[in-house]
PDB file of all heavy atoms in Angstrom:
ATOM      1  N   LEU A   1     -20.019 -26.328  12.174  1.00  0.00           N
ATOM      2  CA  LEU A   1     -18.893 -27.139  12.766  1.00  0.00           C
ATOM      3  C   LEU A   1     -19.021 -27.059  14.279  1.00  0.00           C
ATOM      4  O   LEU A   1     -17.979 -27.496  14.999  1.00  0.00           O
ATOM      5  CB  LEU A   1     -17.538 -26.559  12.288  1.00  0.00           C
ATOM      6  CG  LEU A   1     -17.351 -26.465  10.745  1.00  0.00           C
ATOM      7  CD1 LEU A   1     -15.933 -25.905  10.483  1.00  0.00           C
ATOM      8  CD2 LEU A   1     -17.547 -27.814  10.142  1.00  0.00           C
ATOM      9  N   LYS A   2     -20.088 -26.630  14.824  1.00  0.00           N
ATOM     10  CA  LYS A   2     -20.349 -26.602  16.290  1.00  0.00           C
ATOM     11  C   LYS A   2     -19.199 -25.887  17.007  1.00  0.00           C
ATOM     12  O   LYS A   2     -18.600 -26.382  17.948  1.00  0.00           O
ATOM     13  CB  LYS A   2     -20.532 -28.010  16.830  1.00  0.00           C
ATOM     14  CG  LYS A   2     -21.219 -28.045  18.224  1.00  0.00           C
ATOM     15  CD  LYS A   2     -21.519 -29.480  18.633  1.00  0.00           C
ATOM     16  CE  LYS A   2     -22.061 -29.480  20.058  1.00  0.00           C
ATOM     17  NZ  LYS A   2     -23.278 -28.691  20.226  1.00  0.00           N
ATOM     18  N   GLY A   3     -18.926 -24.654  16.522  1.00  0.00           N
ATOM     19  CA  GLY A   3     -17.858 -23.889  17.163  1.00  0.00           C
ATOM     20  C   GLY A   3     -16.538 -24.471  17.065  1.00  0.00           C
ATOM     21  O   GLY A   3     -15.642 -24.139  17.863  1.00  0.00           O
ATOM     22  N   GLY A   4     -16.262 -25.351  16.059  1.00  0.00           N
ATOM     23  CA  GLY A   4     -14.945 -25.930  15.865  1.00  0.00           C
ATOM     24  C   GLY A   4     -14.819 -27.346  16.477  1.00  0.00           C
ATOM     25  O   GLY A   4     -13.871 -28.035  16.209  1.00  0.00           O
ATOM     26  N   ILE A   5     -15.803 -27.730  17.252  1.00  0.00           N
ATOM     27  CA  ILE A   5     -15.749 -29.045  17.884  1.00  0.00           C
ATOM     28  C   ILE A   5     -15.742 -30.192  16.815  1.00  0.00           C
ATOM     29  O   ILE A   5     -15.108 -31.197  16.998  1.00  0.00           O
ATOM     30  CB  ILE A   5     -16.930 -29.263  18.861  1.00  0.00           C
ATOM     31  CG1 ILE A   5     -16.766 -28.320  20.045  1.00  0.00           C
ATOM     32  CG2 ILE A   5     -17.065 -30.746  19.353  1.00  0.00           C
ATOM     33  CD1 ILE A   5     -17.919 -28.376  21.016  1.00  0.00           C
ATOM     34  N   LEU A   6     -16.394 -29.978  15.728  1.00  0.00           N
ATOM     35  CA  LEU A   6     -16.498 -31.002  14.647  1.00  0.00           C
ATOM     36  C   LEU A   6     -15.418 -30.822  13.659  1.00  0.00           C
ATOM     37  O   LEU A   6     -15.497 -31.415  12.526  1.00  0.00           O
ATOM     38  CB  LEU A   6     -17.856 -30.989  14.020  1.00  0.00           C
ATOM     39  CG  LEU A   6     -19.052 -31.090  14.958  1.00  0.00           C
ATOM     40  CD1 LEU A   6     -20.377 -31.111  14.197  1.00  0.00           C
ATOM     41  CD2 LEU A   6     -18.953 -32.404  15.821  1.00  0.00           C
ATOM     42  N   ALA A   7     -14.482 -29.963  13.883  1.00  0.00           N
ATOM     43  CA  ALA A   7     -13.362 -29.724  12.971  1.00  0.00           C
ATOM     44  C   ALA A   7     -12.030 -29.933  13.708  1.00  0.00           C
ATOM     45  O   ALA A   7     -12.027 -29.975  14.918  1.00  0.00           O
ATOM     46  CB  ALA A   7     -13.428 -28.273  12.401  1.00  0.00           C
ATOM     47  N   GLY A   8     -10.928 -30.001  12.993  1.00  0.00           N
ATOM     48  CA  GLY A   8      -9.660 -30.147  13.598  1.00  0.00           C
ATOM     49  C   GLY A   8      -9.527 -31.481  14.265  1.00  0.00           C
ATOM     50  O   GLY A   8      -9.975 -32.535  13.796  1.00  0.00           O
ATOM     51  N   LYS A   9      -8.871 -31.471  15.432  1.00  0.00           N
ATOM     52  CA  LYS A   9      -8.598 -32.704  16.159  1.00  0.00           C
ATOM     53  C   LYS A   9      -9.896 -33.337  16.655  1.00  0.00           C
ATOM     54  O   LYS A   9     -10.815 -32.662  17.155  1.00  0.00           O
ATOM     55  CB  LYS A   9      -7.681 -32.458  17.316  1.00  0.00           C
ATOM     56  CG  LYS A   9      -7.232 -33.727  18.025  1.00  0.00           C
ATOM     57  CD  LYS A   9      -6.251 -33.374  19.151  1.00  0.00           C
ATOM     58  CE  LYS A   9      -5.809 -34.675  19.875  1.00  0.00           C
ATOM     59  NZ  LYS A   9      -4.882 -34.366  21.028  1.00  0.00           N
ATOM     60  N   MET A  10     -10.026 -34.640  16.463  1.00  0.00           N
ATOM     61  CA  MET A  10     -11.154 -35.379  16.944  1.00  0.00           C
ATOM     62  C   MET A  10     -10.794 -36.544  17.833  1.00  0.00           C
ATOM     63  O   MET A  10      -9.607 -36.916  17.924  1.00  0.00           O
ATOM     64  CB  MET A  10     -11.900 -35.971  15.723  1.00  0.00           C
ATOM     65  CG  MET A  10     -12.413 -34.978  14.701  1.00  0.00           C
ATOM     66  SD  MET A  10     -13.902 -34.136  15.216  1.00  0.00           S
ATOM     67  CE  MET A  10     -15.160 -35.376  14.780  1.00  0.00           C
ATOM     68  N   PRO A  11     -11.690 -37.145  18.599  1.00  0.00           N
ATOM     69  CA  PRO A  11     -11.380 -38.331  19.357  1.00  0.00           C
ATOM     70  C   PRO A  11     -10.767 -39.430  18.382  1.00  0.00           C
ATOM     71  O   PRO A  11     -11.194 -39.491  17.238  1.00  0.00           O
ATOM     72  CB  PRO A  11     -12.667 -38.778  19.973  1.00  0.00           C
ATOM     73  CG  PRO A  11     -13.458 -37.542  20.046  1.00  0.00           C
ATOM     74  CD  PRO A  11     -13.040 -36.722  18.832  1.00  0.00           C
ATOM     75  N   GLU A  12      -9.828 -40.180  18.933  1.00  0.00           N
ATOM     76  CA  GLU A  12      -9.136 -41.170  18.089  1.00  0.00           C
ATOM     77  C   GLU A  12     -10.153 -42.101  17.358  1.00  0.00           C
ATOM     78  O   GLU A  12      -9.995 -42.411  16.177  1.00  0.00           O
ATOM     79  CB  GLU A  12      -8.172 -41.960  18.888  1.00  0.00           C
ATOM     80  CG  GLU A  12      -6.986 -41.186  19.351  1.00  0.00           C
ATOM     81  CD  GLU A  12      -5.978 -42.115  20.103  1.00  0.00           C
ATOM     82  OE1 GLU A  12      -6.093 -43.279  20.038  1.00  0.00           O
ATOM     83  OE2 GLU A  12      -5.016 -41.550  20.675  1.00  0.00           O
ATOM     84  N   ASP A  13     -11.141 -42.593  18.096  1.00  0.00           N
ATOM     85  CA  ASP A  13     -12.110 -43.467  17.488  1.00  0.00           C
ATOM     86  C   ASP A  13     -12.844 -42.825  16.273  1.00  0.00           C
ATOM     87  O   ASP A  13     -13.134 -43.468  15.269  1.00  0.00           O
ATOM     88  CB  ASP A  13     -13.145 -43.930  18.511  1.00  0.00           C
ATOM     89  CG  ASP A  13     -12.587 -44.888  19.597  1.00  0.00           C
ATOM     90  OD1 ASP A  13     -11.394 -45.298  19.334  1.00  0.00           O
ATOM     91  OD2 ASP A  13     -13.210 -45.128  20.582  1.00  0.00           O
ATOM     92  N   ALA A  14     -13.155 -41.517  16.469  1.00  0.00           N
ATOM     93  CA  ALA A  14     -13.908 -40.850  15.384  1.00  0.00           C
ATOM     94  C   ALA A  14     -12.958 -40.666  14.209  1.00  0.00           C
ATOM     95  O   ALA A  14     -13.391 -40.811  13.029  1.00  0.00           O
ATOM     96  CB  ALA A  14     -14.351 -39.461  15.927  1.00  0.00           C
ATOM     97  N   GLU A  15     -11.663 -40.355  14.430  1.00  0.00           N
ATOM     98  CA  GLU A  15     -10.735 -40.089  13.306  1.00  0.00           C
ATOM     99  C   GLU A  15     -10.587 -41.422  12.511  1.00  0.00           C
ATOM    100  O   GLU A  15     -10.513 -41.425  11.272  1.00  0.00           O
ATOM    101  CB  GLU A  15      -9.432 -39.643  13.874  1.00  0.00           C
ATOM    102  CG  GLU A  15      -9.426 -38.178  14.306  1.00  0.00           C
ATOM    103  CD  GLU A  15      -8.076 -37.746  14.752  1.00  0.00           C
ATOM    104  OE1 GLU A  15      -7.161 -38.534  14.851  1.00  0.00           O
ATOM    105  OE2 GLU A  15      -7.896 -36.512  15.001  1.00  0.00           O
ATOM    106  N   GLU A  16     -10.533 -42.546  13.271  1.00  0.00           N
ATOM    107  CA  GLU A  16     -10.372 -43.795  12.612  1.00  0.00           C
ATOM    108  C   GLU A  16     -11.519 -44.143  11.672  1.00  0.00           C
ATOM    109  O   GLU A  16     -11.383 -44.706  10.593  1.00  0.00           O
ATOM    110  CB  GLU A  16     -10.119 -44.908  13.582  1.00  0.00           C
ATOM    111  CG  GLU A  16      -8.771 -44.926  14.252  1.00  0.00           C
ATOM    112  CD  GLU A  16      -7.659 -45.055  13.236  1.00  0.00           C
ATOM    113  OE1 GLU A  16      -7.767 -45.948  12.338  1.00  0.00           O
ATOM    114  OE2 GLU A  16      -6.675 -44.293  13.274  1.00  0.00           O
ATOM    115  N   ILE A  17     -12.750 -43.799  12.156  1.00  0.00           N
ATOM    116  CA  ILE A  17     -14.000 -44.095  11.364  1.00  0.00           C
ATOM    117  C   ILE A  17     -13.974 -43.289  10.099  1.00  0.00           C
ATOM    118  O   ILE A  17     -14.242 -43.793   8.962  1.00  0.00           O
ATOM    119  CB  ILE A  17     -15.182 -43.754  12.209  1.00  0.00           C
ATOM    120  CG1 ILE A  17     -15.368 -44.776  13.366  1.00  0.00           C
ATOM    121  CG2 ILE A  17     -16.471 -43.786  11.320  1.00  0.00           C
ATOM    122  CD1 ILE A  17     -16.425 -44.363  14.373  1.00  0.00           C
ATOM    123  N   PHE A  18     -13.649 -41.969  10.175  1.00  0.00           N
ATOM    124  CA  PHE A  18     -13.515 -41.137   9.020  1.00  0.00           C
ATOM    125  C   PHE A  18     -12.452 -41.663   8.026  1.00  0.00           C
ATOM    126  O   PHE A  18     -12.707 -41.771   6.828  1.00  0.00           O
ATOM    127  CB  PHE A  18     -13.220 -39.736   9.389  1.00  0.00           C
ATOM    128  CG  PHE A  18     -14.418 -38.878   9.775  1.00  0.00           C
ATOM    129  CD1 PHE A  18     -14.259 -37.907  10.765  1.00  0.00           C
ATOM    130  CD2 PHE A  18     -15.670 -39.089   9.175  1.00  0.00           C
ATOM    131  CE1 PHE A  18     -15.327 -37.116  11.120  1.00  0.00           C
ATOM    132  CE2 PHE A  18     -16.727 -38.358   9.570  1.00  0.00           C
ATOM    133  CZ  PHE A  18     -16.597 -37.390  10.515  1.00  0.00           C
ATOM    134  N   LYS A  19     -11.266 -42.012   8.567  1.00  0.00           N
ATOM    135  CA  LYS A  19     -10.172 -42.408   7.686  1.00  0.00           C
ATOM    136  C   LYS A  19     -10.509 -43.718   6.944  1.00  0.00           C
ATOM    137  O   LYS A  19     -10.118 -43.984   5.817  1.00  0.00           O
ATOM    138  CB  LYS A  19      -8.902 -42.593   8.513  1.00  0.00           C
ATOM    139  CG  LYS A  19      -8.274 -41.296   8.924  1.00  0.00           C
ATOM    140  CD  LYS A  19      -7.032 -41.502   9.825  1.00  0.00           C
ATOM    141  CE  LYS A  19      -6.453 -40.204  10.301  1.00  0.00           C
ATOM    142  NZ  LYS A  19      -5.274 -40.454  11.076  1.00  0.00           N
ATOM    143  N   LYS A  20     -11.228 -44.618   7.605  1.00  0.00           N
ATOM    144  CA  LYS A  20     -11.609 -45.891   6.988  1.00  0.00           C
ATOM    145  C   LYS A  20     -12.382 -45.762   5.786  1.00  0.00           C
ATOM    146  O   LYS A  20     -12.260 -46.470   4.793  1.00  0.00           O
ATOM    147  CB  LYS A  20     -12.322 -46.766   8.052  1.00  0.00           C
ATOM    148  CG  LYS A  20     -12.548 -48.219   7.595  1.00  0.00           C
ATOM    149  CD  LYS A  20     -13.228 -48.980   8.678  1.00  0.00           C
ATOM    150  CE  LYS A  20     -13.493 -50.443   8.184  1.00  0.00           C
ATOM    151  NZ  LYS A  20     -14.101 -51.239   9.272  1.00  0.00           N
ATOM    152  N   THR A  21     -13.246 -44.668   5.777  1.00  0.00           N
ATOM    153  CA  THR A  21     -14.119 -44.478   4.650  1.00  0.00           C
ATOM    154  C   THR A  21     -13.475 -43.604   3.591  1.00  0.00           C
ATOM    155  O   THR A  21     -13.515 -43.892   2.378  1.00  0.00           O
ATOM    156  CB  THR A  21     -15.476 -43.769   5.110  1.00  0.00           C
ATOM    157  OG1 THR A  21     -16.127 -44.637   5.981  1.00  0.00           O
ATOM    158  CG2 THR A  21     -16.399 -43.569   3.868  1.00  0.00           C
ATOM    159  N   ASP A  22     -12.748 -42.571   3.961  1.00  0.00           N
ATOM    160  CA  ASP A  22     -12.060 -41.656   3.083  1.00  0.00           C
ATOM    161  C   ASP A  22     -10.945 -40.901   3.834  1.00  0.00           C
ATOM    162  O   ASP A  22     -11.190 -39.980   4.590  1.00  0.00           O
ATOM    163  CB  ASP A  22     -12.960 -40.684   2.426  1.00  0.00           C
ATOM    164  CG  ASP A  22     -12.349 -39.883   1.303  1.00  0.00           C
ATOM    165  OD1 ASP A  22     -11.136 -39.834   1.239  1.00  0.00           O
ATOM    166  OD2 ASP A  22     -13.119 -39.354   0.466  1.00  0.00           O
ATOM    167  N   SER A  23      -9.726 -41.339   3.659  1.00  0.00           N
ATOM    168  CA  SER A  23      -8.612 -40.774   4.369  1.00  0.00           C
ATOM    169  C   SER A  23      -8.167 -39.424   3.856  1.00  0.00           C
ATOM    170  O   SER A  23      -7.360 -38.709   4.445  1.00  0.00           O
ATOM    171  CB  SER A  23      -7.372 -41.652   4.327  1.00  0.00           C
ATOM    172  OG  SER A  23      -6.998 -41.885   3.005  1.00  0.00           O
ATOM    173  N   THR A  24      -8.741 -38.939   2.760  1.00  0.00           N
ATOM    174  CA  THR A  24      -8.348 -37.660   2.144  1.00  0.00           C
ATOM    175  C   THR A  24      -9.108 -36.496   2.742  1.00  0.00           C
ATOM    176  O   THR A  24      -8.803 -35.368   2.522  1.00  0.00           O
ATOM    177  CB  THR A  24      -8.570 -37.703   0.610  1.00  0.00           C
ATOM    178  OG1 THR A  24      -9.934 -37.784   0.337  1.00  0.00           O
ATOM    179  CG2 THR A  24      -7.773 -38.897   0.036  1.00  0.00           C
ATOM    180  N   LYS A  25     -10.290 -36.770   3.367  1.00  0.00           N
ATOM    181  CA  LYS A  25     -11.182 -35.682   3.836  1.00  0.00           C
ATOM    182  C   LYS A  25     -10.878 -35.428   5.331  1.00  0.00           C
ATOM    183  O   LYS A  25     -10.758 -36.318   6.172  1.00  0.00           O
ATOM    184  CB  LYS A  25     -12.600 -36.067   3.632  1.00  0.00           C
ATOM    185  CG  LYS A  25     -13.027 -36.079   2.203  1.00  0.00           C
ATOM    186  CD  LYS A  25     -14.560 -36.353   2.110  1.00  0.00           C
ATOM    187  CE  LYS A  25     -15.003 -36.250   0.622  1.00  0.00           C
ATOM    188  NZ  LYS A  25     -14.385 -37.328  -0.180  1.00  0.00           N
ATOM    189  N   SER A  26     -10.817 -34.120   5.660  1.00  0.00           N
ATOM    190  CA  SER A  26     -10.694 -33.705   7.048  1.00  0.00           C
ATOM    191  C   SER A  26     -12.014 -33.796   7.832  1.00  0.00           C
ATOM    192  O   SER A  26     -13.079 -33.870   7.172  1.00  0.00           O
ATOM    193  CB  SER A  26     -10.149 -32.278   7.129  1.00  0.00           C
ATOM    194  OG  SER A  26     -11.143 -31.393   6.640  1.00  0.00           O
ATOM    195  N   ALA A  27     -11.960 -33.667   9.129  1.00  0.00           N
ATOM    196  CA  ALA A  27     -13.191 -33.677   9.931  1.00  0.00           C
ATOM    197  C   ALA A  27     -14.104 -32.485   9.540  1.00  0.00           C
ATOM    198  O   ALA A  27     -15.343 -32.622   9.495  1.00  0.00           O
ATOM    199  CB  ALA A  27     -12.833 -33.625  11.416  1.00  0.00           C
ATOM    200  N   ALA A  28     -13.430 -31.365   9.247  1.00  0.00           N
ATOM    201  CA  ALA A  28     -14.276 -30.214   8.868  1.00  0.00           C
ATOM    202  C   ALA A  28     -14.974 -30.430   7.567  1.00  0.00           C
ATOM    203  O   ALA A  28     -16.130 -30.004   7.413  1.00  0.00           O
ATOM    204  CB  ALA A  28     -13.377 -28.943   8.792  1.00  0.00           C
ATOM    205  N   GLN A  29     -14.333 -31.039   6.631  1.00  0.00           N
ATOM    206  CA  GLN A  29     -14.931 -31.318   5.325  1.00  0.00           C
ATOM    207  C   GLN A  29     -16.131 -32.253   5.439  1.00  0.00           C
ATOM    208  O   GLN A  29     -17.160 -32.071   4.823  1.00  0.00           O
ATOM    209  CB  GLN A  29     -13.901 -31.872   4.397  1.00  0.00           C
ATOM    210  CG  GLN A  29     -12.849 -30.887   3.891  1.00  0.00           C
ATOM    211  CD  GLN A  29     -11.770 -31.512   3.082  1.00  0.00           C
ATOM    212  OE1 GLN A  29     -11.221 -32.583   3.478  1.00  0.00           O
ATOM    213  NE2 GLN A  29     -11.413 -30.970   1.924  1.00  0.00           N
ATOM    214  N   TRP A  30     -15.997 -33.240   6.288  1.00  0.00           N
ATOM    215  CA  TRP A  30     -17.083 -34.148   6.537  1.00  0.00           C
ATOM    216  C   TRP A  30     -18.282 -33.437   7.099  1.00  0.00           C
ATOM    217  O   TRP A  30     -19.396 -33.647   6.669  1.00  0.00           O
ATOM    218  CB  TRP A  30     -16.629 -35.254   7.534  1.00  0.00           C
ATOM    219  CG  TRP A  30     -15.929 -36.432   6.919  1.00  0.00           C
ATOM    220  CD1 TRP A  30     -14.543 -36.683   6.889  1.00  0.00           C
ATOM    221  CD2 TRP A  30     -16.550 -37.528   6.226  1.00  0.00           C
ATOM    222  NE1 TRP A  30     -14.298 -37.852   6.229  1.00  0.00           N
ATOM    223  CE2 TRP A  30     -15.492 -38.427   5.795  1.00  0.00           C
ATOM    224  CE3 TRP A  30     -17.814 -37.923   5.831  1.00  0.00           C
ATOM    225  CZ2 TRP A  30     -15.677 -39.612   5.056  1.00  0.00           C
ATOM    226  CZ3 TRP A  30     -18.039 -39.087   5.096  1.00  0.00           C
ATOM    227  CH2 TRP A  30     -17.001 -39.929   4.769  1.00  0.00           C
ATOM    228  N   ALA A  31     -18.030 -32.604   8.087  1.00  0.00           N
ATOM    229  CA  ALA A  31     -19.131 -31.868   8.747  1.00  0.00           C
ATOM    230  C   ALA A  31     -19.825 -30.915   7.805  1.00  0.00           C
ATOM    231  O   ALA A  31     -21.095 -30.804   7.731  1.00  0.00           O
ATOM    232  CB  ALA A  31     -18.595 -31.127   9.984  1.00  0.00           C
ATOM    233  N   LEU A  32     -19.043 -30.228   7.086  1.00  0.00           N
ATOM    234  CA  LEU A  32     -19.631 -29.197   6.101  1.00  0.00           C
ATOM    235  C   LEU A  32     -20.412 -29.899   4.986  1.00  0.00           C
ATOM    236  O   LEU A  32     -21.515 -29.459   4.563  1.00  0.00           O
ATOM    237  CB  LEU A  32     -18.574 -28.344   5.526  1.00  0.00           C
ATOM    238  CG  LEU A  32     -18.954 -26.993   4.885  1.00  0.00           C
ATOM    239  CD1 LEU A  32     -19.821 -26.171   5.849  1.00  0.00           C
ATOM    240  CD2 LEU A  32     -17.736 -26.178   4.461  1.00  0.00           C
ATOM    241  N   ARG A  33     -19.824 -31.024   4.474  1.00  0.00           N
ATOM    242  CA  ARG A  33     -20.551 -31.739   3.388  1.00  0.00           C
ATOM    243  C   ARG A  33     -21.856 -32.275   3.903  1.00  0.00           C
ATOM    244  O   ARG A  33     -22.845 -32.263   3.173  1.00  0.00           O
ATOM    245  CB  ARG A  33     -19.646 -32.938   2.936  1.00  0.00           C
ATOM    246  CG  ARG A  33     -18.474 -32.503   2.102  1.00  0.00           C
ATOM    247  CD  ARG A  33     -17.663 -33.746   1.667  1.00  0.00           C
ATOM    248  NE  ARG A  33     -18.402 -34.559   0.736  1.00  0.00           N
ATOM    249  CZ  ARG A  33     -18.620 -35.897   0.872  1.00  0.00           C
ATOM    250  NH1 ARG A  33     -18.152 -36.539   1.968  1.00  0.00           N
ATOM    251  NH2 ARG A  33     -19.295 -36.593  -0.057  1.00  0.00           N
ATOM    252  N   TRP A  34     -21.922 -32.745   5.127  1.00  0.00           N
ATOM    253  CA  TRP A  34     -23.115 -33.224   5.680  1.00  0.00           C
ATOM    254  C   TRP A  34     -24.268 -32.188   5.709  1.00  0.00           C
ATOM    255  O   TRP A  34     -25.405 -32.508   5.373  1.00  0.00           O
ATOM    256  CB  TRP A  34     -22.908 -33.783   7.099  1.00  0.00           C
ATOM    257  CG  TRP A  34     -24.059 -34.477   7.789  1.00  0.00           C
ATOM    258  CD1 TRP A  34     -24.373 -35.807   7.651  1.00  0.00           C
ATOM    259  CD2 TRP A  34     -25.122 -33.869   8.437  1.00  0.00           C
ATOM    260  NE1 TRP A  34     -25.572 -36.092   8.307  1.00  0.00           N
ATOM    261  CE2 TRP A  34     -26.032 -34.893   8.837  1.00  0.00           C
ATOM    262  CE3 TRP A  34     -25.409 -32.583   8.864  1.00  0.00           C
ATOM    263  CZ2 TRP A  34     -27.231 -34.687   9.543  1.00  0.00           C
ATOM    264  CZ3 TRP A  34     -26.535 -32.303   9.545  1.00  0.00           C
ATOM    265  CH2 TRP A  34     -27.433 -33.373   9.951  1.00  0.00           C
ATOM    266  N   VAL A  35     -23.891 -30.955   6.082  1.00  0.00           N
ATOM    267  CA  VAL A  35     -24.884 -29.860   6.089  1.00  0.00           C
ATOM    268  C   VAL A  35     -25.357 -29.527   4.685  1.00  0.00           C
ATOM    269  O   VAL A  35     -26.578 -29.411   4.355  1.00  0.00           O
ATOM    270  CB  VAL A  35     -24.357 -28.663   6.809  1.00  0.00           C
ATOM    271  CG1 VAL A  35     -25.410 -27.555   6.740  1.00  0.00           C
ATOM    272  CG2 VAL A  35     -24.024 -29.019   8.254  1.00  0.00           C
ATOM    273  N   LEU A  36     -24.380 -29.400   3.757  1.00  0.00           N
ATOM    274  CA  LEU A  36     -24.697 -28.969   2.440  1.00  0.00           C
ATOM    275  C   LEU A  36     -25.420 -30.084   1.644  1.00  0.00           C
ATOM    276  O   LEU A  36     -26.030 -29.837   0.608  1.00  0.00           O
ATOM    277  CB  LEU A  36     -23.473 -28.560   1.682  1.00  0.00           C
ATOM    278  CG  LEU A  36     -22.781 -27.258   2.107  1.00  0.00           C
ATOM    279  CD1 LEU A  36     -21.401 -27.079   1.525  1.00  0.00           C
ATOM    280  CD2 LEU A  36     -23.645 -26.065   1.700  1.00  0.00           C
ATOM    281  N   ASN A  37     -25.359 -31.312   2.124  1.00  0.00           N
ATOM    282  CA  ASN A  37     -26.071 -32.451   1.485  1.00  0.00           C
ATOM    283  C   ASN A  37     -27.630 -32.264   1.600  1.00  0.00           C
ATOM    284  O   ASN A  37     -28.299 -32.828   0.785  1.00  0.00           O
ATOM    285  CB  ASN A  37     -25.583 -33.712   2.094  1.00  0.00           C
ATOM    286  CG  ASN A  37     -26.142 -34.895   1.406  1.00  0.00           C
ATOM    287  OD1 ASN A  37     -25.782 -35.178   0.257  1.00  0.00           O
ATOM    288  ND2 ASN A  37     -27.010 -35.662   2.107  1.00  0.00           N
ATOM    289  N   ASN A  38     -28.013 -31.472   2.518  1.00  0.00           N
ATOM    290  CA  ASN A  38     -29.454 -31.267   2.744  1.00  0.00           C
ATOM    291  C   ASN A  38     -30.022 -30.346   1.716  1.00  0.00           C
ATOM    292  O   ASN A  38     -29.578 -29.152   1.584  1.00  0.00           O
ATOM    293  CB  ASN A  38     -29.696 -30.685   4.199  1.00  0.00           C
ATOM    294  CG  ASN A  38     -31.196 -30.598   4.552  1.00  0.00           C
ATOM    295  OD1 ASN A  38     -32.025 -30.359   3.670  1.00  0.00           O
ATOM    296  ND2 ASN A  38     -31.467 -30.965   5.812  1.00  0.00           N
ATOM    297  N   ARG A  39     -30.964 -30.778   0.970  1.00  0.00           N
ATOM    298  CA  ARG A  39     -31.515 -29.994  -0.161  1.00  0.00           C
ATOM    299  C   ARG A  39     -32.251 -28.777   0.249  1.00  0.00           C
ATOM    300  O   ARG A  39     -32.436 -27.848  -0.546  1.00  0.00           O
ATOM    301  CB  ARG A  39     -32.422 -30.916  -1.017  1.00  0.00           C
ATOM    302  CG  ARG A  39     -33.666 -31.367  -0.280  1.00  0.00           C
ATOM    303  CD  ARG A  39     -34.519 -32.307  -1.057  1.00  0.00           C
ATOM    304  NE  ARG A  39     -35.673 -32.787  -0.249  1.00  0.00           N
ATOM    305  CZ  ARG A  39     -36.578 -33.631  -0.746  1.00  0.00           C
ATOM    306  NH1 ARG A  39     -36.448 -34.102  -2.016  1.00  0.00           N
ATOM    307  NH2 ARG A  39     -37.562 -34.019   0.030  1.00  0.00           N
ATOM    308  N   ASN A  40     -32.613 -28.693   1.515  1.00  0.00           N
ATOM    309  CA  ASN A  40     -33.377 -27.513   2.049  1.00  0.00           C
ATOM    310  C   ASN A  40     -32.510 -26.414   2.519  1.00  0.00           C
ATOM    311  O   ASN A  40     -33.064 -25.318   2.795  1.00  0.00           O
ATOM    312  CB  ASN A  40     -34.341 -27.991   3.141  1.00  0.00           C
ATOM    313  CG  ASN A  40     -35.371 -28.981   2.719  1.00  0.00           C
ATOM    314  OD1 ASN A  40     -35.963 -28.775   1.666  1.00  0.00           O
ATOM    315  ND2 ASN A  40     -35.591 -30.036   3.483  1.00  0.00           N
ATOM    316  N   ILE A  41     -31.241 -26.620   2.621  1.00  0.00           N
ATOM    317  CA  ILE A  41     -30.341 -25.580   3.125  1.00  0.00           C
ATOM    318  C   ILE A  41     -29.989 -24.621   1.993  1.00  0.00           C
ATOM    319  O   ILE A  41     -29.492 -24.994   0.949  1.00  0.00           O
ATOM    320  CB  ILE A  41     -29.090 -26.192   3.703  1.00  0.00           C
ATOM    321  CG1 ILE A  41     -29.422 -27.176   4.845  1.00  0.00           C
ATOM    322  CG2 ILE A  41     -28.125 -25.069   4.217  1.00  0.00           C
ATOM    323  CD1 ILE A  41     -30.277 -26.580   5.934  1.00  0.00           C
ATOM    324  N   SER A  42     -30.179 -23.324   2.262  1.00  0.00           N
ATOM    325  CA  SER A  42     -29.889 -22.300   1.258  1.00  0.00           C
ATOM    326  C   SER A  42     -28.400 -21.850   1.374  1.00  0.00           C
ATOM    327  O   SER A  42     -27.701 -21.662   0.346  1.00  0.00           O
ATOM    328  CB  SER A  42     -30.733 -21.039   1.479  1.00  0.00           C
ATOM    329  OG  SER A  42     -32.098 -21.395   1.432  1.00  0.00           O
TER     330      SER A  42
END
């Protein structure tokens, strides 16, 4: 989560982009899902 930068409050433009795709997921959830999506990560 880059020390929390990719979690919690985000720039308004970024929040709108996330909400447009899925308003139920938080910024932290998006960031963590992105990492775990990589099949090489243990």
